[in-house]
Amino acid sequence: MSKLPTDQHITYQLQYRKCGKPTCGTCKNAAGHGPYWYAYWREGAKLRSGYIGKTQPAGVTPVAAARAEQRLATHRATKVQPVAVEAR
């Protein structure tokens, strides 16, 4: 990723990502790969994002990191899991 802007407010989030491979067991049986850190900021009216990686960025405070982890846990808990249906 290119450099993050230094003159903008940046919000950091943890996210899981699906790779799109039809045979990927991680994507089929779990939330996806990750969690990975992403940065979000605005340039005018456009929302921009950038991939950071697996390690927590240096600019993230412990409070913001805990909030990102809580959002991630809440998101995983509210996702509806597929129900197995038996064939007759």
Protein backbone atom coordinates (compact mmCIF):
# COMPACT_ATOMS: atom_id res chain seq x y z
CA MET A 1 0.00 0.00 0.00
CA SER A 2 1.12 3.53 -0.62
CA LYS A 3 1.62 5.94 2.27
CA LEU A 4 -1.36 6.93 4.35
CA PRO A 5 -2.28 10.61 4.37
CA THR A 6 -0.86 12.54 7.30
CA ASP A 7 -3.29 15.47 7.10
CA GLN A 8 -6.50 13.39 7.32
CA HIS A 9 -8.42 11.71 10.13
CA ILE A 10 -7.85 7.96 9.74
CA THR A 11 -10.11 5.26 11.15
CA TYR A 12 -8.68 1.77 11.57
CA GLN A 13 -10.72 -1.44 11.39
CA LEU A 14 -10.08 -5.16 11.64
CA GLN A 15 -11.73 -7.20 8.89
CA TYR A 16 -11.88 -10.74 7.58
CA ARG A 17 -11.68 -11.23 3.81
CA LYS A 18 -12.87 -14.00 1.50
CA CYS A 19 -10.34 -15.03 -1.16
CA GLY A 20 -12.94 -16.16 -3.69
CA LYS A 21 -11.41 -19.57 -4.37
CA PRO A 22 -14.22 -22.14 -4.60
CA THR A 23 -12.19 -24.82 -2.76
CA CYS A 24 -10.94 -22.65 0.11
CA GLY A 25 -11.91 -24.32 3.40
CA THR A 26 -11.13 -21.19 5.41
CA CYS A 27 -13.71 -19.16 3.51
CA LYS A 28 -16.29 -21.96 3.48
CA ASN A 29 -16.04 -22.93 7.14
CA ALA A 30 -15.05 -19.68 8.83
CA ALA A 31 -15.39 -15.91 8.54
CA GLY A 32 -12.55 -15.80 6.03
CA HIS A 33 -8.85 -14.95 6.15
CA GLY A 34 -7.53 -12.54 8.72
CA PRO A 35 -8.30 -10.47 10.61
CA TYR A 36 -6.41 -7.77 8.74
CA TRP A 37 -6.06 -4.08 9.59
CA TYR A 38 -7.52 -1.55 7.13
CA ALA A 39 -7.34 2.25 7.21
CA TYR A 40 -10.23 4.50 6.12
CA TRP A 41 -10.15 8.25 5.39
CA ARG A 42 -11.96 10.82 3.26
CA GLU A 43 -10.64 12.71 0.25
CA GLY A 44 -13.36 15.23 -0.46
CA ALA A 45 -16.60 13.27 -0.76
CA LYS A 46 -14.87 9.95 -1.48
CA LEU A 47 -14.16 7.35 1.17
CA ARG A 48 -10.73 5.82 0.64
CA SER A 49 -9.32 2.69 2.19
CA GLY A 50 -5.98 0.99 2.41
CA TYR A 51 -4.71 -2.39 3.48
CA ILE A 52 -2.32 -2.23 6.44
CA GLY A 53 -1.65 -5.91 7.22
CA LYS A 54 -1.85 -8.32 10.12
CA THR A 55 0.09 -6.21 12.61
CA GLN A 56 -1.54 -3.32 14.43
CA PRO A 57 -0.57 0.07 12.95
CA ALA A 58 1.61 2.36 15.05
CA GLY A 59 -1.00 5.15 15.13
CA VAL A 60 -3.69 3.06 16.81
CA THR A 61 -4.26 3.77 20.49
CA PRO A 62 -5.03 0.86 22.84
CA VAL A 63 -8.59 2.17 23.23
CA ALA A 64 -9.12 2.28 19.45
CA ALA A 65 -7.63 -1.22 19.07
CA ALA A 66 -9.97 -2.59 21.74
CA ARG A 67 -12.92 -0.91 20.02
CA ALA A 68 -11.91 -2.45 16.64
CA GLU A 69 -11.61 -5.89 18.21
CA GLN A 70 -15.00 -5.47 19.91
CA ARG A 71 -16.63 -4.46 16.59
CA LEU A 72 -15.08 -7.52 14.95
CA ALA A 73 -16.33 -9.84 17.71
CA THR A 74 -19.82 -8.32 17.55
CA HIS A 75 -19.90 -8.69 13.77
CA ARG A 76 -18.89 -12.36 13.99
CA ALA A 77 -21.48 -13.06 16.69
CA THR A 78 -24.36 -11.52 14.72
CA LYS A 79 -23.59 -13.29 11.43
CA VAL A 80 -26.18 -15.95 10.72
CA GLN A 81 -24.58 -19.36 10.37
CA PRO A 82 -25.92 -21.59 7.59
CA VAL A 83 -28.19 -24.36 8.79
CA ALA A 84 -27.53 -27.88 7.54
CA VAL A 85 -30.49 -29.36 5.69
CA GLU A 86 -30.83 -33.10 5.36
CA ALA A 87 -31.71 -34.51 1.96
CA ARG A 88 -34.79 -36.74 1.87
